[in-house]
Amino acid sequence: MPLDKAPPSVFDKLPLPSASRLLGWTLRAVDPGAGTIEIGFTADDRFLNPAGTVQGGFLAAMLDDTQGPALFARTGGAIYAPTIDFSIAFIKPARPGRFVAKGRVVNLGKTIAFTEAELFDEAGDLVARGTFSNRVMRTERVVGEG
């Protein structure tokens, strides 16, 4: 269900990264306590492969740009967790248009976090699913290193 306005969140004070803007990233819902998030994406003709479907790397990027924010929101912005490994299953071809991704934190350890994300097309059909391993880093360490 689309929201007229994104709910208040830890993302309100952060600029949207360029990669997220390219993907059409829009926060639709977030539940930090449950470690879940819902993100909207838009894929246009720039995302297509020669077969006329969205290239798998873009779908993987959408999944990655869902699971990371789920973890960031779960920790109130205290944890930045770069992806160290992921596995993507492409369920069906994805046509250009709008997508909804749902992500969740499966387990948050001291050094590694496990997350998942699923990507649905405009018809609500599952097009891709991913599982992720992430390195847990305190945000102030990442910001202080730049």
N, C-alpha and C. Protein backbone atom coordinates (compact mmCIF):
# COMPACT_ATOMS: atom_id res chain seq x y z
N MET A 1 0.83 -1.17 0.00
CA MET A 1 0.00 0.00 0.00
C MET A 1 0.88 1.24 0.00
N PRO A 2 0.75 2.07 -1.02
CA PRO A 2 1.57 3.27 -1.11
C PRO A 2 1.23 4.26 0.00
N LEU A 3 2.23 4.96 0.45
CA LEU A 3 2.04 5.99 1.46
C LEU A 3 2.09 7.35 0.78
N ASP A 4 1.25 8.29 1.24
CA ASP A 4 1.30 9.64 0.69
C ASP A 4 2.58 10.34 1.11
N LYS A 5 3.02 10.05 2.31
CA LYS A 5 4.23 10.67 2.85
C LYS A 5 4.99 9.61 3.64
N ALA A 6 6.30 9.58 3.45
CA ALA A 6 7.12 8.60 4.18
C ALA A 6 7.02 8.85 5.67
N PRO A 7 7.04 7.78 6.47
CA PRO A 7 7.00 7.95 7.92
C PRO A 7 8.29 8.58 8.43
N PRO A 8 8.23 9.30 9.55
CA PRO A 8 9.47 9.85 10.12
C PRO A 8 10.46 8.71 10.41
N SER A 9 11.72 8.97 10.13
CA SER A 9 12.71 7.91 10.33
C SER A 9 14.10 8.47 10.49
N VAL A 10 15.04 7.59 10.75
CA VAL A 10 16.44 7.93 10.89
C VAL A 10 17.01 8.46 9.57
N PHE A 11 16.32 8.24 8.46
CA PHE A 11 16.79 8.67 7.15
C PHE A 11 16.47 10.14 6.85
N ASP A 12 15.61 10.75 7.65
CA ASP A 12 15.16 12.12 7.37
C ASP A 12 16.29 13.13 7.32
N LYS A 13 17.34 12.93 8.08
CA LYS A 13 18.43 13.91 8.15
C LYS A 13 19.60 13.56 7.24
N LEU A 14 19.47 12.50 6.47
CA LEU A 14 20.57 12.06 5.62
C LEU A 14 20.29 12.39 4.15
N PRO A 15 21.32 12.85 3.43
CA PRO A 15 21.12 13.03 1.99
C PRO A 15 21.03 11.66 1.31
N LEU A 16 20.22 11.58 0.28
CA LEU A 16 20.07 10.34 -0.45
C LEU A 16 21.30 10.11 -1.33
N PRO A 17 21.99 8.98 -1.19
CA PRO A 17 23.18 8.73 -2.00
C PRO A 17 22.84 8.70 -3.50
N SER A 18 23.81 9.01 -4.33
CA SER A 18 23.62 9.05 -5.78
C SER A 18 23.09 7.74 -6.33
N ALA A 19 23.62 6.62 -5.86
CA ALA A 19 23.17 5.31 -6.35
C ALA A 19 21.69 5.10 -6.03
N SER A 20 21.28 5.51 -4.84
CA SER A 20 19.88 5.38 -4.44
C SER A 20 18.99 6.26 -5.31
N ARG A 21 19.45 7.48 -5.62
CA ARG A 21 18.67 8.36 -6.49
C ARG A 21 18.50 7.73 -7.87
N LEU A 22 19.58 7.15 -8.40
CA LEU A 22 19.50 6.49 -9.71
C LEU A 22 18.44 5.39 -9.70
N LEU A 23 18.37 4.64 -8.61
CA LEU A 23 17.42 3.53 -8.50
C LEU A 23 16.00 4.00 -8.18
N GLY A 24 15.82 5.28 -7.92
CA GLY A 24 14.49 5.80 -7.58
C GLY A 24 14.05 5.45 -6.17
N TRP A 25 15.01 5.30 -5.26
CA TRP A 25 14.78 4.87 -3.87
C TRP A 25 13.79 5.79 -3.17
N THR A 26 12.73 5.19 -2.62
CA THR A 26 11.72 5.92 -1.86
C THR A 26 11.33 5.09 -0.65
N LEU A 27 11.46 5.66 0.54
CA LEU A 27 11.06 4.97 1.76
C LEU A 27 9.54 4.90 1.80
N ARG A 28 9.00 3.69 1.92
CA ARG A 28 7.55 3.48 1.99
C ARG A 28 7.10 3.15 3.40
N ALA A 29 7.88 2.37 4.12
CA ALA A 29 7.53 1.97 5.48
C ALA A 29 8.79 1.50 6.18
N VAL A 30 8.83 1.69 7.50
CA VAL A 30 9.96 1.21 8.29
C VAL A 30 9.46 0.90 9.70
N ASP A 31 9.95 -0.22 10.23
CA ASP A 31 9.65 -0.61 11.61
C ASP A 31 10.98 -0.98 12.26
N PRO A 32 11.67 0.00 12.86
CA PRO A 32 12.99 -0.27 13.45
C PRO A 32 12.97 -1.39 14.48
N GLY A 33 11.93 -1.45 15.30
CA GLY A 33 11.86 -2.49 16.33
C GLY A 33 11.82 -3.89 15.75
N ALA A 34 11.12 -4.05 14.64
CA ALA A 34 11.03 -5.35 13.98
C ALA A 34 12.19 -5.58 13.02
N GLY A 35 12.95 -4.52 12.71
CA GLY A 35 14.06 -4.65 11.77
C GLY A 35 13.58 -4.84 10.34
N THR A 36 12.43 -4.22 10.00
CA THR A 36 11.88 -4.37 8.65
C THR A 36 11.77 -3.02 7.97
N ILE A 37 11.76 -3.07 6.64
CA ILE A 37 11.68 -1.85 5.84
C ILE A 37 11.01 -2.19 4.51
N GLU A 38 10.40 -1.19 3.91
CA GLU A 38 9.81 -1.32 2.58
C GLU A 38 10.26 -0.11 1.77
N ILE A 39 10.86 -0.39 0.61
CA ILE A 39 11.42 0.64 -0.25
C ILE A 39 10.81 0.55 -1.63
N GLY A 40 10.52 1.69 -2.24
CA GLY A 40 10.07 1.74 -3.62
C GLY A 40 11.24 2.06 -4.54
N PHE A 41 11.24 1.48 -5.73
CA PHE A 41 12.26 1.73 -6.75
C PHE A 41 11.57 1.93 -8.09
N THR A 42 12.27 2.57 -9.02
CA THR A 42 11.76 2.73 -10.38
C THR A 42 12.87 2.39 -11.36
N ALA A 43 12.57 1.52 -12.31
CA ALA A 43 13.54 1.15 -13.35
C ALA A 43 13.00 1.61 -14.69
N ASP A 44 13.81 2.40 -15.40
CA ASP A 44 13.41 2.85 -16.73
C ASP A 44 14.29 2.18 -17.79
N ASP A 45 14.27 2.69 -19.00
CA ASP A 45 14.99 2.07 -20.12
C ASP A 45 16.51 2.01 -19.91
N ARG A 46 17.05 2.88 -19.04
CA ARG A 46 18.49 2.84 -18.77
C ARG A 46 18.92 1.56 -18.07
N PHE A 47 17.97 0.84 -17.49
CA PHE A 47 18.27 -0.36 -16.70
C PHE A 47 18.17 -1.65 -17.52
N LEU A 48 17.82 -1.56 -18.79
CA LEU A 48 17.50 -2.75 -19.58
C LEU A 48 18.72 -3.43 -20.18
N ASN A 49 18.61 -4.74 -20.29
CA ASN A 49 19.60 -5.55 -21.00
C ASN A 49 19.12 -5.72 -22.44
N PRO A 50 19.88 -6.40 -23.31
CA PRO A 50 19.45 -6.56 -24.70
C PRO A 50 18.12 -7.31 -24.87
N ALA A 51 17.71 -8.09 -23.88
CA ALA A 51 16.43 -8.82 -23.97
C ALA A 51 15.24 -7.94 -23.60
N GLY A 52 15.51 -6.69 -23.15
CA GLY A 52 14.42 -5.79 -22.80
C GLY A 52 13.92 -5.93 -21.38
N THR A 53 14.67 -6.65 -20.55
CA THR A 53 14.31 -6.78 -19.15
C THR A 53 15.36 -6.06 -18.30
N VAL A 54 15.01 -5.80 -17.05
CA VAL A 54 15.93 -5.10 -16.15
C VAL A 54 17.13 -6.00 -15.88
N GLN A 55 18.31 -5.48 -16.11
CA GLN A 55 19.55 -6.23 -15.93
C GLN A 55 19.68 -6.65 -14.47
N GLY A 56 20.13 -7.87 -14.25
CA GLY A 56 20.18 -8.46 -12.91
C GLY A 56 21.00 -7.67 -11.91
N GLY A 57 22.04 -6.99 -12.36
CA GLY A 57 22.85 -6.19 -11.45
C GLY A 57 22.05 -5.06 -10.82
N PHE A 58 21.12 -4.49 -11.57
CA PHE A 58 20.27 -3.44 -11.01
C PHE A 58 19.30 -4.01 -9.98
N LEU A 59 18.77 -5.19 -10.27
CA LEU A 59 17.88 -5.85 -9.30
C LEU A 59 18.64 -6.16 -8.01
N ALA A 60 19.88 -6.64 -8.15
CA ALA A 60 20.72 -6.92 -6.98
C ALA A 60 20.99 -5.64 -6.20
N ALA A 61 21.22 -4.53 -6.92
CA ALA A 61 21.46 -3.25 -6.26
C ALA A 61 20.23 -2.80 -5.48
N MET A 62 19.05 -3.02 -6.04
CA MET A 62 17.82 -2.67 -5.33
C MET A 62 17.68 -3.49 -4.04
N LEU A 63 17.97 -4.77 -4.13
CA LEU A 63 17.91 -5.62 -2.93
C LEU A 63 18.93 -5.17 -1.89
N ASP A 64 20.14 -4.86 -2.36
CA ASP A 64 21.19 -4.41 -1.45
C ASP A 64 20.82 -3.09 -0.81
N ASP A 65 20.18 -2.20 -1.60
CA ASP A 65 19.79 -0.88 -1.10
C ASP A 65 18.49 -0.94 -0.29
N THR A 66 18.04 -2.14 0.00
CA THR A 66 16.90 -2.35 0.91
C THR A 66 17.39 -2.97 2.21
N GLN A 67 18.21 -4.02 2.09
CA GLN A 67 18.64 -4.72 3.31
C GLN A 67 19.56 -3.85 4.17
N GLY A 68 20.44 -3.07 3.56
CA GLY A 68 21.33 -2.19 4.33
C GLY A 68 20.55 -1.16 5.14
N PRO A 69 19.60 -0.46 4.51
CA PRO A 69 18.80 0.48 5.28
C PRO A 69 17.94 -0.18 6.37
N ALA A 70 17.53 -1.43 6.16
CA ALA A 70 16.79 -2.13 7.23
C ALA A 70 17.66 -2.25 8.48
N LEU A 71 18.92 -2.60 8.28
CA LEU A 71 19.86 -2.74 9.39
C LEU A 71 20.19 -1.37 10.01
N PHE A 72 20.38 -0.37 9.17
CA PHE A 72 20.67 0.97 9.65
C PHE A 72 19.51 1.49 10.52
N ALA A 73 18.29 1.29 10.05
CA ALA A 73 17.11 1.73 10.80
C ALA A 73 16.95 0.93 12.09
N ARG A 74 17.22 -0.37 12.03
CA ARG A 74 17.09 -1.24 13.21
C ARG A 74 17.95 -0.76 14.36
N THR A 75 19.11 -0.18 14.03
CA THR A 75 20.05 0.27 15.05
C THR A 75 19.96 1.79 15.29
N GLY A 76 18.92 2.43 14.78
CA GLY A 76 18.78 3.87 14.96
C GLY A 76 19.90 4.66 14.34
N GLY A 77 20.51 4.11 13.29
CA GLY A 77 21.61 4.78 12.61
C GLY A 77 22.97 4.57 13.26
N ALA A 78 23.05 3.73 14.28
CA ALA A 78 24.32 3.50 14.99
C ALA A 78 25.25 2.55 14.24
N ILE A 79 24.67 1.72 13.36
CA ILE A 79 25.46 0.71 12.66
C ILE A 79 25.40 0.94 11.15
N TYR A 80 26.58 0.98 10.56
CA TYR A 80 26.73 0.97 9.11
C TYR A 80 27.31 -0.40 8.80
N ALA A 81 26.70 -1.15 7.92
CA ALA A 81 27.14 -2.53 7.71
C ALA A 81 27.34 -2.81 6.23
N PRO A 82 28.55 -2.60 5.72
CA PRO A 82 28.81 -2.90 4.32
C PRO A 82 28.61 -4.39 4.03
N THR A 83 28.07 -4.67 2.86
CA THR A 83 27.83 -6.04 2.44
C THR A 83 29.16 -6.73 2.16
N ILE A 84 29.33 -7.92 2.74
CA ILE A 84 30.55 -8.69 2.48
C ILE A 84 30.27 -9.92 1.62
N ASP A 85 29.00 -10.34 1.57
CA ASP A 85 28.64 -11.49 0.75
C ASP A 85 27.13 -11.47 0.52
N PHE A 86 26.72 -11.85 -0.68
CA PHE A 86 25.28 -11.98 -0.91
C PHE A 86 25.00 -13.04 -1.95
N SER A 87 23.78 -13.54 -1.89
CA SER A 87 23.30 -14.53 -2.85
C SER A 87 21.94 -14.05 -3.34
N ILE A 88 21.80 -13.96 -4.66
CA ILE A 88 20.56 -13.47 -5.25
C ILE A 88 19.95 -14.59 -6.10
N ALA A 89 18.65 -14.78 -5.93
CA ALA A 89 17.88 -15.69 -6.80
C ALA A 89 16.97 -14.81 -7.64
N PHE A 90 17.10 -14.92 -8.97
CA PHE A 90 16.24 -14.19 -9.89
C PHE A 90 15.08 -15.11 -10.24
N ILE A 91 13.89 -14.74 -9.79
CA ILE A 91 12.71 -15.60 -9.89
C ILE A 91 12.03 -15.50 -11.24
N LYS A 92 11.88 -14.29 -11.75
CA LYS A 92 11.25 -14.09 -13.06
C LYS A 92 11.80 -12.82 -13.69
N PRO A 93 11.69 -12.69 -15.02
CA PRO A 93 12.17 -11.46 -15.67
C PRO A 93 11.45 -10.23 -15.13
N ALA A 94 12.18 -9.16 -15.02
CA ALA A 94 11.62 -7.91 -14.50
C ALA A 94 11.52 -6.91 -15.64
N ARG A 95 10.34 -6.41 -15.87
CA ARG A 95 10.10 -5.38 -16.89
C ARG A 95 10.30 -4.01 -16.25
N PRO A 96 10.60 -2.99 -17.06
CA PRO A 96 10.75 -1.65 -16.49
C PRO A 96 9.46 -1.20 -15.79
N GLY A 97 9.63 -0.39 -14.78
CA GLY A 97 8.48 0.12 -14.03
C GLY A 97 8.83 0.29 -12.57
N ARG A 98 7.80 0.24 -11.76
CA ARG A 98 7.97 0.42 -10.32
C ARG A 98 8.12 -0.93 -9.63
N PHE A 99 8.92 -0.90 -8.56
CA PHE A 99 9.16 -2.10 -7.77
C PHE A 99 9.02 -1.75 -6.29
N VAL A 100 8.70 -2.76 -5.50
CA VAL A 100 8.67 -2.63 -4.05
C VAL A 100 9.58 -3.70 -3.49
N ALA A 101 10.48 -3.29 -2.61
CA ALA A 101 11.38 -4.24 -1.95
C ALA A 101 11.07 -4.25 -0.46
N LYS A 102 11.11 -5.44 0.11
CA LYS A 102 10.89 -5.62 1.54
C LYS A 102 12.14 -6.27 2.12
N GLY A 103 12.70 -5.62 3.14
CA GLY A 103 13.91 -6.13 3.75
C GLY A 103 13.72 -6.36 5.24
N ARG A 104 14.58 -7.25 5.78
CA ARG A 104 14.52 -7.49 7.22
C ARG A 104 15.86 -7.94 7.75
N VAL A 105 16.09 -7.60 9.00
CA VAL A 105 17.28 -8.05 9.71
C VAL A 105 16.97 -9.43 10.28
N VAL A 106 17.77 -10.41 9.92
CA VAL A 106 17.58 -11.78 10.41
C VAL A 106 18.32 -11.97 11.73
N ASN A 107 19.56 -11.49 11.79
CA ASN A 107 20.37 -11.61 13.00
C ASN A 107 21.43 -10.53 13.01
N LEU A 108 21.56 -9.86 14.15
CA LEU A 108 22.57 -8.82 14.31
C LEU A 108 23.54 -9.25 15.39
N GLY A 109 24.75 -9.62 14.96
CA GLY A 109 25.79 -10.01 15.90
C GLY A 109 26.74 -8.86 16.16
N LYS A 110 27.82 -9.15 16.88
CA LYS A 110 28.80 -8.10 17.21
C LYS A 110 29.64 -7.69 16.01
N THR A 111 29.92 -8.63 15.10
CA THR A 111 30.77 -8.31 13.95
C THR A 111 30.11 -8.59 12.60
N ILE A 112 29.08 -9.45 12.57
CA ILE A 112 28.40 -9.83 11.33
C ILE A 112 26.90 -9.73 11.54
N ALA A 113 26.21 -9.22 10.53
CA ALA A 113 24.75 -9.19 10.53
C ALA A 113 24.24 -9.95 9.31
N PHE A 114 23.13 -10.62 9.46
CA PHE A 114 22.49 -11.35 8.37
C PHE A 114 21.15 -10.69 8.06
N THR A 115 20.92 -10.45 6.78
CA THR A 115 19.70 -9.77 6.35
C THR A 115 19.13 -10.47 5.12
N GLU A 116 17.88 -10.11 4.80
CA GLU A 116 17.21 -10.63 3.61
C GLU A 116 16.46 -9.49 2.94
N ALA A 117 16.19 -9.66 1.65
CA ALA A 117 15.34 -8.71 0.93
C ALA A 117 14.64 -9.43 -0.22
N GLU A 118 13.42 -8.98 -0.51
CA GLU A 118 12.65 -9.50 -1.64
C GLU A 118 12.19 -8.32 -2.48
N LEU A 119 12.13 -8.51 -3.80
CA LEU A 119 11.75 -7.46 -4.72
C LEU A 119 10.53 -7.91 -5.52
N PHE A 120 9.50 -7.05 -5.53
CA PHE A 120 8.24 -7.34 -6.19
C PHE A 120 7.98 -6.33 -7.30
N ASP A 121 7.38 -6.78 -8.40
CA ASP A 121 7.03 -5.87 -9.48
C ASP A 121 5.69 -5.20 -9.21
N GLU A 122 5.22 -4.39 -10.18
CA GLU A 122 3.98 -3.63 -9.98
C GLU A 122 2.76 -4.53 -9.79
N ALA A 123 2.82 -5.74 -10.34
CA ALA A 123 1.71 -6.69 -10.19
C ALA A 123 1.76 -7.42 -8.85
N GLY A 124 2.83 -7.19 -8.08
CA GLY A 124 2.98 -7.86 -6.79
C GLY A 124 3.67 -9.20 -6.89
N ASP A 125 4.22 -9.51 -8.07
CA ASP A 125 4.92 -10.78 -8.26
C ASP A 125 6.37 -10.66 -7.80
N LEU A 126 6.86 -11.70 -7.13
CA LEU A 126 8.25 -11.75 -6.68
C LEU A 126 9.15 -11.90 -7.89
N VAL A 127 10.12 -10.99 -8.04
CA VAL A 127 11.06 -11.08 -9.16
C VAL A 127 12.46 -11.48 -8.72
N ALA A 128 12.83 -11.17 -7.47
CA ALA A 128 14.17 -11.54 -6.99
C ALA A 128 14.17 -11.55 -5.47
N ARG A 129 15.06 -12.39 -4.94
CA ARG A 129 15.21 -12.52 -3.49
C ARG A 129 16.70 -12.62 -3.18
N GLY A 130 17.12 -11.99 -2.07
CA GLY A 130 18.53 -12.04 -1.71
C GLY A 130 18.75 -12.26 -0.23
N THR A 131 19.86 -12.92 0.08
CA THR A 131 20.32 -13.07 1.45
C THR A 131 21.71 -12.43 1.52
N PHE A 132 21.98 -11.77 2.63
CA PHE A 132 23.18 -10.94 2.75
C PHE A 132 23.91 -11.19 4.06
N SER A 133 25.23 -11.09 4.01
CA SER A 133 26.08 -11.03 5.19
C SER A 133 26.74 -9.66 5.17
N ASN A 134 26.78 -9.01 6.33
CA ASN A 134 27.29 -7.64 6.43
C ASN A 134 28.28 -7.51 7.57
N ARG A 135 29.31 -6.70 7.38
CA ARG A 135 30.26 -6.40 8.44
C ARG A 135 29.67 -5.29 9.30
N VAL A 136 29.57 -5.51 10.58
CA VAL A 136 28.99 -4.53 11.50
C VAL A 136 30.07 -3.51 11.89
N MET A 137 29.76 -2.23 11.60
CA MET A 137 30.67 -1.14 11.95
C MET A 137 29.87 -0.02 12.60
N ARG A 138 30.40 0.57 13.65
CA ARG A 138 29.74 1.71 14.28
C ARG A 138 29.80 2.90 13.32
N THR A 139 28.70 3.60 13.18
CA THR A 139 28.61 4.70 12.24
C THR A 139 29.66 5.77 12.49
N GLU A 140 29.91 6.12 13.74
CA GLU A 140 30.88 7.19 14.01
C GLU A 140 32.28 6.83 13.52
N ARG A 141 32.61 5.56 13.49
CA ARG A 141 33.92 5.14 12.95
C ARG A 141 33.97 5.39 11.46
N VAL A 142 32.87 5.10 10.76
CA VAL A 142 32.83 5.29 9.31
C VAL A 142 32.88 6.78 8.97
N VAL A 143 32.08 7.57 9.66
CA VAL A 143 32.05 9.01 9.41
C VAL A 143 33.38 9.63 9.76
N GLY A 144 33.99 9.20 10.85
CA GLY A 144 35.28 9.75 11.27
C GLY A 144 36.43 9.40 10.36
N GLU A 145 36.29 8.31 9.57
CA GLU A 145 37.37 7.89 8.69
C GLU A 145 37.42 8.73 7.41
N GLY A 146 36.29 9.38 7.04
CA GLY A 146 36.20 10.10 5.77
C GLY A 146 36.88 11.39 5.86
